[in-house]
Structures are given as structure tokens and as C-alpha cells.
N, C-alpha and C. Protein backbone atom coordinates (compact mmCIF):
# COMPACT_ATOMS: atom_id res chain seq x y z
N MET A 1 -31.09 153.70 89.17
CA MET A 1 -29.76 153.37 89.66
C MET A 1 -29.89 152.82 91.09
N LYS A 2 -29.12 151.76 91.38
CA LYS A 2 -29.17 151.17 92.72
C LYS A 2 -27.81 150.63 93.10
N LEU A 3 -27.59 150.56 94.41
CA LEU A 3 -26.34 150.02 94.92
C LEU A 3 -26.53 148.56 95.28
N LEU A 4 -25.70 147.70 94.70
CA LEU A 4 -25.68 146.29 95.06
C LEU A 4 -24.81 146.20 96.30
N ASN A 5 -25.44 146.11 97.42
CA ASN A 5 -24.87 146.39 98.73
C ASN A 5 -24.66 145.10 99.53
N SER A 6 -23.79 145.17 100.54
CA SER A 6 -23.60 144.02 101.41
C SER A 6 -22.92 144.47 102.69
N PHE A 7 -22.76 143.53 103.61
CA PHE A 7 -21.88 143.72 104.76
C PHE A 7 -20.44 143.84 104.27
N GLY A 8 -19.62 144.56 104.99
CA GLY A 8 -18.20 144.62 104.67
C GLY A 8 -17.67 146.04 104.69
N PRO A 9 -16.36 146.21 104.88
CA PRO A 9 -15.79 147.55 104.97
C PRO A 9 -15.84 148.33 103.67
N ASN A 10 -15.74 147.66 102.53
CA ASN A 10 -15.79 148.39 101.25
C ASN A 10 -17.19 148.90 100.94
N PRO A 11 -18.24 148.08 101.07
CA PRO A 11 -19.58 148.64 100.92
C PRO A 11 -19.85 149.74 101.95
N ARG A 12 -19.34 149.55 103.16
CA ARG A 12 -19.54 150.58 104.18
C ARG A 12 -18.92 151.90 103.74
N MET A 13 -17.73 151.84 103.12
CA MET A 13 -17.09 153.07 102.69
C MET A 13 -17.96 153.81 101.69
N VAL A 14 -18.55 153.09 100.74
CA VAL A 14 -19.42 153.74 99.75
C VAL A 14 -20.65 154.32 100.44
N ARG A 15 -21.21 153.59 101.39
CA ARG A 15 -22.36 154.11 102.13
C ARG A 15 -21.98 155.38 102.91
N MET A 16 -20.80 155.37 103.50
CA MET A 16 -20.34 156.54 104.25
C MET A 16 -20.15 157.72 103.31
N PHE A 17 -19.59 157.46 102.14
CA PHE A 17 -19.43 158.49 101.11
C PHE A 17 -20.78 159.08 100.73
N MET A 18 -21.76 158.22 100.51
CA MET A 18 -23.09 158.67 100.14
C MET A 18 -23.73 159.51 101.25
N LEU A 19 -23.54 159.10 102.49
CA LEU A 19 -24.09 159.84 103.61
C LEU A 19 -23.45 161.22 103.72
N GLU A 20 -22.14 161.28 103.53
CA GLU A 20 -21.46 162.57 103.61
C GLU A 20 -21.94 163.52 102.51
N LYS A 21 -22.35 162.96 101.37
CA LYS A 21 -22.80 163.77 100.25
C LYS A 21 -24.33 163.88 100.15
N ASN A 22 -25.02 163.29 101.13
CA ASN A 22 -26.50 163.33 101.13
C ASN A 22 -27.09 162.71 99.87
N ILE A 23 -26.49 161.60 99.42
CA ILE A 23 -26.99 160.87 98.26
C ILE A 23 -27.84 159.71 98.76
N GLU A 24 -29.02 159.57 98.23
CA GLU A 24 -29.90 158.46 98.58
C GLU A 24 -30.13 157.59 97.34
N LEU A 25 -29.88 156.29 97.50
CA LEU A 25 -30.10 155.33 96.43
C LEU A 25 -30.77 154.09 97.01
N PRO A 26 -31.57 153.40 96.23
CA PRO A 26 -32.09 152.11 96.71
C PRO A 26 -30.96 151.09 96.79
N PHE A 27 -31.06 150.19 97.76
CA PHE A 27 -30.09 149.11 97.94
C PHE A 27 -30.70 147.78 97.52
N GLU A 28 -29.89 146.96 96.87
CA GLU A 28 -30.23 145.55 96.68
C GLU A 28 -29.16 144.76 97.43
N ASN A 29 -29.54 144.13 98.52
CA ASN A 29 -28.57 143.51 99.40
C ASN A 29 -28.13 142.14 98.90
N VAL A 30 -26.83 141.91 98.98
CA VAL A 30 -26.20 140.66 98.57
C VAL A 30 -25.60 140.02 99.83
N ASP A 31 -25.92 138.77 100.08
CA ASP A 31 -25.43 138.08 101.28
C ASP A 31 -24.06 137.47 100.98
N ILE A 32 -23.02 138.24 101.26
CA ILE A 32 -21.67 137.74 100.95
C ILE A 32 -21.26 136.64 101.92
N LEU A 33 -21.81 136.65 103.13
CA LEU A 33 -21.45 135.60 104.08
C LEU A 33 -21.98 134.24 103.64
N ALA A 34 -23.06 134.25 102.84
CA ALA A 34 -23.60 133.01 102.27
C ALA A 34 -23.01 132.72 100.89
N GLY A 35 -22.09 133.58 100.44
CA GLY A 35 -21.43 133.36 99.16
C GLY A 35 -22.20 133.83 97.94
N GLU A 36 -23.23 134.65 98.11
CA GLU A 36 -24.04 135.08 96.96
C GLU A 36 -23.24 135.87 95.93
N SER A 37 -22.22 136.56 96.38
CA SER A 37 -21.44 137.38 95.44
C SER A 37 -20.51 136.54 94.57
N ARG A 38 -20.36 135.28 94.89
CA ARG A 38 -19.43 134.40 94.16
C ARG A 38 -20.15 133.43 93.22
N LYS A 39 -21.42 133.68 92.97
CA LYS A 39 -22.17 132.81 92.07
C LYS A 39 -23.23 133.63 91.33
N SER A 40 -23.88 133.00 90.36
CA SER A 40 -24.94 133.68 89.62
C SER A 40 -26.11 133.93 90.56
N PRO A 41 -26.86 135.00 90.33
CA PRO A 41 -26.76 135.94 89.20
C PRO A 41 -25.80 137.09 89.42
N TYR A 42 -25.18 137.19 90.63
CA TYR A 42 -24.33 138.35 90.89
C TYR A 42 -23.11 138.38 89.97
N LEU A 43 -22.51 137.21 89.71
CA LEU A 43 -21.31 137.18 88.88
C LEU A 43 -21.58 137.65 87.46
N GLU A 44 -22.81 137.57 87.03
CA GLU A 44 -23.15 138.07 85.70
C GLU A 44 -23.11 139.60 85.67
N LYS A 45 -23.28 140.20 86.83
CA LYS A 45 -23.22 141.65 86.92
C LYS A 45 -21.79 142.12 87.21
N ASN A 46 -21.09 141.41 88.07
CA ASN A 46 -19.71 141.76 88.44
C ASN A 46 -18.89 140.48 88.47
N PRO A 47 -18.18 140.17 87.38
CA PRO A 47 -17.43 138.91 87.28
C PRO A 47 -16.34 138.75 88.33
N VAL A 48 -15.92 139.86 88.96
CA VAL A 48 -14.89 139.77 90.00
C VAL A 48 -15.47 139.21 91.29
N GLY A 49 -16.79 139.33 91.45
CA GLY A 49 -17.44 138.75 92.61
C GLY A 49 -17.29 139.53 93.89
N GLN A 50 -16.98 140.81 93.78
CA GLN A 50 -16.80 141.64 94.97
C GLN A 50 -17.96 142.62 95.09
N THR A 51 -18.16 143.10 96.29
CA THR A 51 -19.18 144.11 96.54
C THR A 51 -18.52 145.35 97.13
N PRO A 52 -19.14 146.53 96.90
CA PRO A 52 -20.43 146.75 96.23
C PRO A 52 -20.27 146.92 94.73
N SER A 53 -21.39 147.04 94.05
CA SER A 53 -21.44 147.45 92.65
C SER A 53 -22.56 148.45 92.50
N LEU A 54 -22.46 149.27 91.48
CA LEU A 54 -23.49 150.26 91.21
C LEU A 54 -24.14 149.90 89.88
N GLN A 55 -25.43 149.57 89.93
CA GLN A 55 -26.15 149.22 88.71
C GLN A 55 -26.90 150.44 88.19
N LEU A 56 -26.59 150.85 86.97
CA LEU A 56 -27.20 152.02 86.37
C LEU A 56 -28.58 151.69 85.82
N ASP A 57 -29.31 152.73 85.47
CA ASP A 57 -30.68 152.54 85.00
C ASP A 57 -30.74 151.73 83.71
N ASP A 58 -29.67 151.78 82.90
CA ASP A 58 -29.66 151.02 81.65
C ASP A 58 -29.13 149.60 81.82
N GLY A 59 -28.85 149.21 83.07
CA GLY A 59 -28.41 147.85 83.35
C GLY A 59 -26.91 147.69 83.47
N ARG A 60 -26.15 148.66 82.99
CA ARG A 60 -24.70 148.56 83.12
C ARG A 60 -24.29 148.62 84.59
N VAL A 61 -23.17 147.97 84.90
CA VAL A 61 -22.72 147.88 86.29
C VAL A 61 -21.33 148.48 86.41
N ILE A 62 -21.18 149.35 87.38
CA ILE A 62 -19.88 149.95 87.72
C ILE A 62 -19.42 149.33 89.03
N ALA A 63 -18.20 148.83 89.05
CA ALA A 63 -17.65 148.21 90.25
C ALA A 63 -16.37 148.95 90.66
N GLU A 64 -15.78 148.51 91.75
CA GLU A 64 -14.60 149.09 92.39
C GLU A 64 -15.03 150.33 93.18
N THR A 65 -14.79 150.30 94.47
CA THR A 65 -15.37 151.29 95.38
C THR A 65 -15.02 152.72 95.01
N VAL A 66 -13.76 153.00 94.75
CA VAL A 66 -13.36 154.38 94.46
C VAL A 66 -13.95 154.83 93.13
N VAL A 67 -14.04 153.93 92.17
CA VAL A 67 -14.65 154.27 90.87
C VAL A 67 -16.12 154.63 91.07
N ILE A 68 -16.81 153.84 91.89
CA ILE A 68 -18.22 154.15 92.20
C ILE A 68 -18.32 155.54 92.81
N CYS A 69 -17.45 155.84 93.75
CA CYS A 69 -17.48 157.15 94.41
C CYS A 69 -17.17 158.28 93.44
N GLU A 70 -16.21 158.07 92.55
CA GLU A 70 -15.90 159.10 91.56
C GLU A 70 -17.10 159.35 90.65
N TYR A 71 -17.76 158.28 90.24
CA TYR A 71 -18.95 158.42 89.40
C TYR A 71 -20.04 159.20 90.13
N LEU A 72 -20.27 158.86 91.39
CA LEU A 72 -21.30 159.55 92.17
C LEU A 72 -20.94 161.02 92.38
N GLU A 73 -19.64 161.29 92.56
CA GLU A 73 -19.23 162.70 92.73
C GLU A 73 -19.48 163.50 91.46
N GLU A 74 -19.28 162.88 90.30
CA GLU A 74 -19.56 163.58 89.05
C GLU A 74 -21.05 163.87 88.92
N GLN A 75 -21.86 162.96 89.43
CA GLN A 75 -23.31 163.17 89.38
C GLN A 75 -23.78 164.16 90.44
N HIS A 76 -23.06 164.20 91.56
CA HIS A 76 -23.42 165.05 92.71
C HIS A 76 -22.16 165.76 93.19
N PRO A 77 -21.79 166.88 92.57
CA PRO A 77 -20.49 167.50 92.82
C PRO A 77 -20.27 168.04 94.22
N THR A 78 -21.35 168.39 94.91
CA THR A 78 -21.18 169.00 96.22
C THR A 78 -21.94 168.23 97.29
N PRO A 79 -21.39 168.16 98.51
CA PRO A 79 -20.04 168.62 98.88
C PRO A 79 -18.97 167.72 98.26
N ALA A 80 -17.88 168.31 97.86
CA ALA A 80 -16.84 167.57 97.13
C ALA A 80 -15.99 166.74 98.08
N LEU A 81 -15.87 165.45 97.79
CA LEU A 81 -14.99 164.58 98.57
C LEU A 81 -13.76 164.14 97.76
N PHE A 82 -13.69 164.60 96.53
CA PHE A 82 -12.45 164.50 95.75
C PHE A 82 -11.85 165.90 95.62
N GLY A 83 -12.64 166.84 95.13
CA GLY A 83 -12.15 168.21 95.03
C GLY A 83 -13.01 169.03 94.10
N THR A 84 -12.82 170.33 94.18
CA THR A 84 -13.60 171.25 93.34
C THR A 84 -12.80 171.74 92.14
N ASN A 85 -11.51 171.40 92.07
CA ASN A 85 -10.68 171.79 90.93
C ASN A 85 -9.59 170.74 90.74
N ALA A 86 -8.81 170.91 89.70
CA ALA A 86 -7.80 169.90 89.35
C ALA A 86 -6.78 169.70 90.46
N GLU A 87 -6.38 170.79 91.10
CA GLU A 87 -5.37 170.69 92.15
C GLU A 87 -5.91 169.93 93.36
N GLU A 88 -7.13 170.24 93.78
CA GLU A 88 -7.72 169.54 94.92
C GLU A 88 -7.94 168.07 94.61
N ARG A 89 -8.39 167.76 93.41
CA ARG A 89 -8.60 166.36 93.04
C ARG A 89 -7.29 165.60 92.99
N ALA A 90 -6.23 166.23 92.49
CA ALA A 90 -4.92 165.59 92.47
C ALA A 90 -4.42 165.31 93.88
N GLU A 91 -4.60 166.28 94.77
CA GLU A 91 -4.19 166.11 96.17
C GLU A 91 -4.94 164.96 96.82
N ALA A 92 -6.26 164.88 96.58
CA ALA A 92 -7.06 163.81 97.17
C ALA A 92 -6.66 162.45 96.63
N ARG A 93 -6.42 162.37 95.34
CA ARG A 93 -6.03 161.08 94.73
C ARG A 93 -4.64 160.67 95.16
N MET A 94 -3.74 161.65 95.35
CA MET A 94 -2.40 161.33 95.85
C MET A 94 -2.48 160.72 97.24
N ALA A 95 -3.26 161.34 98.12
CA ALA A 95 -3.41 160.82 99.48
C ALA A 95 -4.03 159.44 99.46
N LEU A 96 -5.06 159.26 98.63
CA LEU A 96 -5.72 157.97 98.52
C LEU A 96 -4.74 156.90 98.04
N ARG A 97 -3.97 157.22 97.01
CA ARG A 97 -3.02 156.25 96.46
C ARG A 97 -2.00 155.83 97.52
N ARG A 98 -1.51 156.78 98.28
CA ARG A 98 -0.54 156.46 99.33
C ARG A 98 -1.15 155.55 100.39
N ILE A 99 -2.39 155.83 100.75
CA ILE A 99 -3.06 155.03 101.77
C ILE A 99 -3.32 153.61 101.27
N GLU A 100 -3.82 153.49 100.04
CA GLU A 100 -4.14 152.15 99.52
C GLU A 100 -2.88 151.31 99.30
N LEU A 101 -1.85 151.91 98.70
CA LEU A 101 -0.65 151.15 98.36
C LEU A 101 0.19 150.78 99.58
N ASN A 102 0.12 151.59 100.63
CA ASN A 102 1.00 151.38 101.78
C ASN A 102 0.32 150.80 103.01
N ALA A 103 -1.00 150.95 103.11
CA ALA A 103 -1.67 150.54 104.34
C ALA A 103 -2.85 149.61 104.12
N THR A 104 -3.90 150.08 103.47
CA THR A 104 -5.15 149.33 103.51
C THR A 104 -5.09 147.98 102.82
N GLU A 105 -4.42 147.89 101.67
CA GLU A 105 -4.38 146.60 100.99
C GLU A 105 -3.63 145.57 101.82
N TYR A 106 -2.58 145.98 102.50
CA TYR A 106 -1.84 145.06 103.37
C TYR A 106 -2.69 144.65 104.58
N LEU A 107 -3.39 145.60 105.17
CA LEU A 107 -4.21 145.28 106.34
C LEU A 107 -5.34 144.33 105.97
N TYR A 108 -5.97 144.56 104.83
CA TYR A 108 -7.05 143.66 104.41
C TYR A 108 -6.52 142.26 104.13
N ASN A 109 -5.37 142.17 103.48
CA ASN A 109 -4.80 140.83 103.21
C ASN A 109 -4.33 140.17 104.50
N GLY A 110 -3.85 140.95 105.45
CA GLY A 110 -3.49 140.38 106.74
C GLY A 110 -4.70 139.76 107.41
N PHE A 111 -5.86 140.40 107.25
CA PHE A 111 -7.10 139.83 107.79
C PHE A 111 -7.50 138.58 107.01
N ARG A 112 -7.52 138.66 105.68
CA ARG A 112 -7.95 137.52 104.85
C ARG A 112 -7.08 136.29 105.09
N PHE A 113 -5.79 136.51 105.23
CA PHE A 113 -4.86 135.39 105.37
C PHE A 113 -4.73 134.92 106.81
N GLY A 114 -5.25 135.70 107.76
CA GLY A 114 -5.12 135.38 109.17
C GLY A 114 -6.45 135.10 109.83
N VAL A 115 -6.95 136.06 110.58
CA VAL A 115 -8.20 135.89 111.33
C VAL A 115 -9.36 135.51 110.42
N GLY A 116 -9.38 136.07 109.22
CA GLY A 116 -10.50 135.82 108.31
C GLY A 116 -10.29 134.65 107.37
N LEU A 117 -9.28 133.82 107.62
CA LEU A 117 -8.94 132.75 106.68
C LEU A 117 -10.11 131.80 106.43
N ALA A 118 -10.83 131.43 107.48
CA ALA A 118 -11.95 130.50 107.30
C ALA A 118 -13.01 131.07 106.36
N MET A 119 -13.16 132.39 106.38
CA MET A 119 -14.15 133.05 105.54
C MET A 119 -13.70 133.14 104.08
N PHE A 120 -12.40 133.26 103.87
CA PHE A 120 -11.90 133.57 102.53
C PHE A 120 -11.19 132.42 101.82
N LYS A 121 -10.84 131.35 102.53
CA LYS A 121 -9.98 130.31 101.95
C LYS A 121 -10.60 129.62 100.74
N ASP A 122 -11.92 129.59 100.66
CA ASP A 122 -12.57 128.95 99.53
C ASP A 122 -13.04 129.95 98.48
N ARG A 123 -12.70 131.22 98.67
CA ARG A 123 -13.17 132.28 97.76
C ARG A 123 -12.04 132.90 96.94
N VAL A 124 -10.91 133.10 97.58
CA VAL A 124 -9.76 133.70 96.90
C VAL A 124 -8.51 132.94 97.31
N ARG A 125 -7.44 133.11 96.53
CA ARG A 125 -6.17 132.48 96.91
C ARG A 125 -5.62 133.16 98.16
N CYS A 126 -5.44 132.39 99.20
CA CYS A 126 -4.94 132.92 100.46
C CYS A 126 -3.53 132.42 100.74
N LEU A 127 -2.75 133.23 101.41
CA LEU A 127 -1.37 132.90 101.75
C LEU A 127 -1.21 133.01 103.27
N PRO A 128 -1.63 131.98 103.99
CA PRO A 128 -1.61 132.07 105.46
C PRO A 128 -0.25 132.42 106.04
N ASP A 129 0.81 131.92 105.41
CA ASP A 129 2.15 132.20 105.93
C ASP A 129 2.51 133.68 105.83
N ALA A 130 1.78 134.42 104.99
CA ALA A 130 2.10 135.83 104.77
C ALA A 130 1.31 136.76 105.69
N ALA A 131 0.40 136.21 106.49
CA ALA A 131 -0.51 137.05 107.29
C ALA A 131 0.26 138.00 108.21
N GLU A 132 1.23 137.48 108.92
CA GLU A 132 1.97 138.31 109.87
C GLU A 132 2.73 139.42 109.15
N GLY A 133 3.35 139.06 108.04
CA GLY A 133 4.10 140.06 107.26
C GLY A 133 3.19 141.13 106.68
N MET A 134 2.00 140.72 106.23
CA MET A 134 1.04 141.68 105.69
C MET A 134 0.62 142.68 106.77
N GLN A 135 0.36 142.19 107.96
CA GLN A 135 -0.02 143.09 109.04
C GLN A 135 1.12 144.04 109.39
N ALA A 136 2.36 143.54 109.34
CA ALA A 136 3.51 144.39 109.63
C ALA A 136 3.66 145.48 108.57
N LYS A 137 3.46 145.11 107.30
CA LYS A 137 3.51 146.11 106.23
C LYS A 137 2.39 147.12 106.39
N GLY A 138 1.21 146.65 106.77
CA GLY A 138 0.10 147.56 107.01
C GLY A 138 0.41 148.53 108.14
N SER A 139 1.07 148.04 109.18
CA SER A 139 1.47 148.91 110.29
C SER A 139 2.46 149.96 109.82
N ASP A 140 3.37 149.58 108.92
CA ASP A 140 4.29 150.56 108.35
C ASP A 140 3.51 151.64 107.60
N GLY A 141 2.47 151.21 106.89
CA GLY A 141 1.64 152.17 106.17
C GLY A 141 0.91 153.12 107.09
N LEU A 142 0.51 152.63 108.25
CA LEU A 142 -0.15 153.50 109.22
C LEU A 142 0.83 154.51 109.81
N GLN A 143 2.09 154.12 109.91
CA GLN A 143 3.13 155.07 110.33
C GLN A 143 3.22 156.21 109.33
N LEU A 144 3.15 155.86 108.04
CA LEU A 144 3.14 156.90 107.00
C LEU A 144 1.90 157.78 107.13
N ALA A 145 0.75 157.16 107.36
CA ALA A 145 -0.49 157.93 107.52
C ALA A 145 -0.36 158.90 108.69
N ASP A 146 0.25 158.45 109.78
CA ASP A 146 0.45 159.30 110.94
C ASP A 146 1.29 160.52 110.56
N THR A 147 2.33 160.29 109.77
CA THR A 147 3.18 161.39 109.31
C THR A 147 2.40 162.35 108.42
N LEU A 148 1.59 161.81 107.52
CA LEU A 148 0.80 162.64 106.61
C LEU A 148 -0.23 163.48 107.36
N LEU A 149 -0.67 162.99 108.52
CA LEU A 149 -1.71 163.69 109.29
C LEU A 149 -1.16 164.73 110.25
N LYS A 150 0.14 164.80 110.40
CA LYS A 150 0.74 165.74 111.35
C LYS A 150 0.32 167.17 111.01
N GLY A 151 -0.27 167.86 111.98
CA GLY A 151 -0.67 169.24 111.80
C GLY A 151 -1.92 169.42 110.96
N LYS A 152 -2.62 168.33 110.66
CA LYS A 152 -3.80 168.41 109.80
C LYS A 152 -5.03 167.84 110.51
N THR A 153 -6.18 168.29 110.07
CA THR A 153 -7.44 167.71 110.55
C THR A 153 -7.73 166.42 109.81
N PHE A 154 -7.51 166.43 108.49
CA PHE A 154 -7.71 165.27 107.64
C PHE A 154 -6.50 165.11 106.73
N LEU A 155 -6.50 164.08 105.89
CA LEU A 155 -5.35 163.82 105.03
C LEU A 155 -5.03 164.99 104.11
N CYS A 156 -6.08 165.70 103.71
CA CYS A 156 -5.90 166.86 102.82
C CYS A 156 -6.19 168.16 103.56
N GLY A 157 -5.65 168.31 104.72
CA GLY A 157 -5.81 169.55 105.47
C GLY A 157 -7.12 169.59 106.22
N ASN A 158 -7.90 170.62 105.95
CA ASN A 158 -9.16 170.80 106.67
C ASN A 158 -10.35 170.20 105.96
N ARG A 159 -10.14 169.54 104.82
CA ARG A 159 -11.27 168.99 104.08
C ARG A 159 -11.25 167.46 104.11
N LEU A 160 -12.38 166.88 104.41
CA LEU A 160 -12.55 165.43 104.37
C LEU A 160 -12.54 164.98 102.92
N THR A 161 -11.79 163.93 102.62
CA THR A 161 -11.74 163.42 101.25
C THR A 161 -11.88 161.90 101.24
N ILE A 162 -11.91 161.36 100.04
CA ILE A 162 -12.12 159.92 99.85
C ILE A 162 -11.08 159.09 100.60
N GLY A 163 -9.84 159.57 100.68
CA GLY A 163 -8.80 158.82 101.38
C GLY A 163 -9.09 158.63 102.84
N ASP A 164 -9.69 159.64 103.47
CA ASP A 164 -10.05 159.52 104.88
C ASP A 164 -11.07 158.42 105.08
N LEU A 165 -12.05 158.33 104.19
CA LEU A 165 -13.09 157.31 104.32
C LEU A 165 -12.52 155.91 104.10
N VAL A 166 -11.66 155.77 103.09
CA VAL A 166 -11.04 154.46 102.80
C VAL A 166 -10.21 154.01 104.00
N LEU A 167 -9.40 154.90 104.54
CA LEU A 167 -8.54 154.53 105.66
C LEU A 167 -9.35 154.23 106.91
N TYR A 168 -10.34 155.07 107.19
CA TYR A 168 -11.14 154.87 108.40
C TYR A 168 -11.88 153.54 108.38
N CYS A 169 -12.56 153.22 107.28
CA CYS A 169 -13.34 151.98 107.23
C CYS A 169 -12.45 150.75 107.35
N CYS A 170 -11.23 150.84 106.81
CA CYS A 170 -10.28 149.73 106.92
C CYS A 170 -9.82 149.56 108.36
N ILE A 171 -9.37 150.64 108.98
CA ILE A 171 -8.86 150.53 110.36
C ILE A 171 -9.96 150.08 111.30
N ASP A 172 -11.15 150.65 111.16
CA ASP A 172 -12.24 150.31 112.07
C ASP A 172 -12.63 148.84 111.93
N PHE A 173 -12.63 148.34 110.70
CA PHE A 173 -12.94 146.92 110.47
C PHE A 173 -11.85 146.03 111.06
N CYS A 174 -10.60 146.31 110.72
CA CYS A 174 -9.50 145.45 111.18
C CYS A 174 -9.36 145.49 112.70
N ALA A 175 -9.61 146.66 113.31
CA ALA A 175 -9.55 146.75 114.77
C ALA A 175 -10.60 145.86 115.41
N SER A 176 -11.77 145.76 114.78
CA SER A 176 -12.82 144.90 115.35
C SER A 176 -12.46 143.43 115.20
N ALA A 177 -11.47 143.13 114.33
CA ALA A 177 -10.98 141.75 114.17
C ALA A 177 -9.73 141.49 115.00
N GLY A 178 -9.34 142.47 115.82
CA GLY A 178 -8.22 142.25 116.73
C GLY A 178 -6.95 142.99 116.39
N PHE A 179 -6.91 143.71 115.28
CA PHE A 179 -5.70 144.45 114.91
C PHE A 179 -5.52 145.63 115.86
N LYS A 180 -4.28 145.86 116.29
CA LYS A 180 -3.98 146.94 117.22
C LYS A 180 -3.19 148.04 116.52
N VAL A 181 -3.70 149.25 116.59
CA VAL A 181 -2.98 150.41 116.07
C VAL A 181 -2.02 150.89 117.15
N SER A 182 -0.77 151.06 116.79
CA SER A 182 0.24 151.47 117.78
C SER A 182 -0.19 152.75 118.48
N PRO A 183 -0.10 152.78 119.83
CA PRO A 183 -0.45 154.00 120.57
C PRO A 183 0.50 155.15 120.28
N ASP A 184 1.66 154.85 119.68
CA ASP A 184 2.63 155.90 119.36
C ASP A 184 2.14 156.79 118.21
N LEU A 185 1.16 156.32 117.45
CA LEU A 185 0.68 157.07 116.29
C LEU A 185 -0.37 158.07 116.75
N THR A 186 0.09 159.11 117.42
CA THR A 186 -0.83 160.04 118.08
C THR A 186 -1.66 160.85 117.09
N HIS A 187 -1.06 161.23 115.96
CA HIS A 187 -1.82 161.99 114.96
C HIS A 187 -2.93 161.12 114.37
N LEU A 188 -2.62 159.86 114.14
CA LEU A 188 -3.60 158.94 113.58
C LEU A 188 -4.74 158.69 114.57
N HIS A 189 -4.41 158.52 115.85
CA HIS A 189 -5.45 158.28 116.85
C HIS A 189 -6.38 159.50 116.99
N ALA A 190 -5.80 160.69 116.95
CA ALA A 190 -6.63 161.90 117.03
C ALA A 190 -7.55 161.99 115.82
N TRP A 191 -7.02 161.64 114.66
CA TRP A 191 -7.82 161.62 113.42
C TRP A 191 -8.93 160.58 113.51
N LEU A 192 -8.60 159.39 114.02
CA LEU A 192 -9.61 158.34 114.19
C LEU A 192 -10.77 158.82 115.06
N GLU A 193 -10.45 159.51 116.12
CA GLU A 193 -11.49 160.02 117.01
C GLU A 193 -12.37 161.03 116.29
N ARG A 194 -11.75 161.90 115.48
CA ARG A 194 -12.52 162.89 114.74
C ARG A 194 -13.47 162.23 113.74
N VAL A 195 -12.95 161.27 112.99
CA VAL A 195 -13.78 160.64 111.95
C VAL A 195 -14.85 159.77 112.61
N SER A 196 -14.51 159.09 113.69
CA SER A 196 -15.49 158.26 114.40
C SER A 196 -16.67 159.07 114.91
N GLY A 197 -16.42 160.34 115.19
CA GLY A 197 -17.48 161.19 115.72
C GLY A 197 -18.43 161.73 114.66
N ARG A 198 -18.15 161.50 113.40
CA ARG A 198 -19.04 161.97 112.34
C ARG A 198 -20.28 161.07 112.29
N PRO A 199 -21.46 161.65 112.11
CA PRO A 199 -22.68 160.83 112.05
C PRO A 199 -22.61 159.73 111.02
N SER A 200 -21.92 159.96 109.90
CA SER A 200 -21.84 158.97 108.84
C SER A 200 -21.08 157.72 109.26
N ALA A 201 -20.18 157.85 110.25
CA ALA A 201 -19.39 156.70 110.70
C ALA A 201 -20.28 155.63 111.31
N THR A 202 -21.23 156.04 112.11
CA THR A 202 -22.16 155.08 112.72
C THR A 202 -23.26 154.68 111.76
N ALA A 203 -23.81 155.65 111.04
CA ALA A 203 -24.94 155.37 110.16
C ALA A 203 -24.57 154.47 108.99
N SER A 204 -23.30 154.38 108.64
CA SER A 204 -22.86 153.57 107.50
C SER A 204 -22.67 152.10 107.84
N LEU A 205 -22.68 151.75 109.13
CA LEU A 205 -22.48 150.35 109.53
C LEU A 205 -23.65 149.49 109.05
N SER A 206 -23.35 148.26 108.66
CA SER A 206 -24.40 147.30 108.29
C SER A 206 -25.29 147.02 109.49
N ALA A 207 -26.55 146.74 109.20
CA ALA A 207 -27.50 146.47 110.28
C ALA A 207 -27.09 145.26 111.13
N ASN A 208 -26.36 144.32 110.52
CA ASN A 208 -26.01 143.07 111.21
C ASN A 208 -24.56 143.05 111.69
N TRP A 209 -23.90 144.21 111.75
CA TRP A 209 -22.48 144.20 112.08
C TRP A 209 -22.22 143.61 113.47
N SER A 210 -23.07 143.93 114.45
CA SER A 210 -22.83 143.42 115.80
C SER A 210 -23.05 141.92 115.88
N GLU A 211 -23.98 141.43 115.08
CA GLU A 211 -24.23 139.99 115.02
C GLU A 211 -23.04 139.26 114.42
N VAL A 212 -22.46 139.85 113.38
CA VAL A 212 -21.28 139.27 112.73
C VAL A 212 -20.05 139.42 113.63
N GLY A 213 -20.01 140.54 114.37
CA GLY A 213 -18.88 140.77 115.25
C GLY A 213 -17.75 141.54 114.60
N LEU A 214 -18.03 142.13 113.43
CA LEU A 214 -17.04 142.92 112.71
C LEU A 214 -17.71 144.20 112.23
N ARG A 215 -16.94 145.29 112.24
CA ARG A 215 -17.53 146.58 111.89
C ARG A 215 -17.42 146.82 110.40
N GLY A 216 -18.39 146.25 109.69
CA GLY A 216 -18.44 146.37 108.23
C GLY A 216 -19.78 146.91 107.77
């Protein structure tokens, strides 16, 4: 089994997940900046053309970051980043769903349609006129995240879960592209500082992130 890895916030999230769970896998690096993920042979493994992907020993490929993490958690149950029982897993998935639907997808599209347009315009359908609105919607989602974090260490209380990693990697990436998190979101800023201080936050960065100028 190996991770088809690359620069970017989504591969970074999977790497951070693996580090938190002490999972070691070989990497096969894909140069997404050169467009390798959008042509053969990568497209034969993942027709969507996104990274990362997890290639199993029998050749089958699992894609989508959260799905990869769920699969790895089933293989390596502890420490649990989804949960140890049905209630904990439901709580973690609820928090994740709220974060993805209200914040991260909007922030990523705000980047793709705005600052990152030159990188994405020939890869996916981009809506440049929507960039500002996407960022505004993402900011609304961060307001929700701030509310969810009130009185908590992490999104699910005192336990780090998949939603924390998804949100952190998105904010850290978008901030390096110029996105500003409102200073009024005090619970979110305190949470950011806590997650940033974890060894996995630094160790999960791509080797070339400073060269690229984005924290992916």
C-alpha cells in the first residue's frame, strides 16, 4: 500500500492524519504543479485527477481525502481520529460535515477562482466573478466554526478529530495565499494556535512549500 502524494492542502491533511496516528506508508510523489495528476498514467488510477490517492497492494485505488482517512482508521484504530464508538464517530462526522459544507469548500473555491486562478483555469471550470462571494461565504463558515469551538479545545471537545485537521489545513493554506481570518474570531484563533503547535502541523508540510510560497 502506498500514498500517491503531492503538494497541496488535501495531501497535507492526509499526511497530518497519518502522523497523528503514527502510520508510515511509502509515498509516490505526483507533480501537480506540472499537471501530472491531470494526465496518464495518474488519470488511469484516479479519473478525477485529484490528489492524494491511496493505492492498495492489489492495485485498487481509494481516493477522496476523508475516505482515505476512514480507511486508514479502520486499519489502525488507535489513536482514534473519528471515534471509538458510534456516538463519537457520529459527533466527529457531524463536525466535519459542518466544516466542509460551510467553510472549507467555499474557501478553496475562493482561492481557485481568485489568487489561484492562473493555476486552475486550465484544469477545472473556474468562476472568477464568484471569487469574492466564495471568500465571504467561507468567512461565514469560519464564524460558525468559532461558535462551535466556544469552550472547547477542539471541535469535538477535548479530542482531536478529522474535522480539526481538515479545517486547519484549509485555513493555513488560504492564509498563506493572503486570506485574512477575522480577529474577532477569538475561539478560532486560540484553536489555530493549539493545532499549529502540534508536531504534525509542521512535519506534514511538503518539502517544497516555501519554494512554492503556499503552505501545502
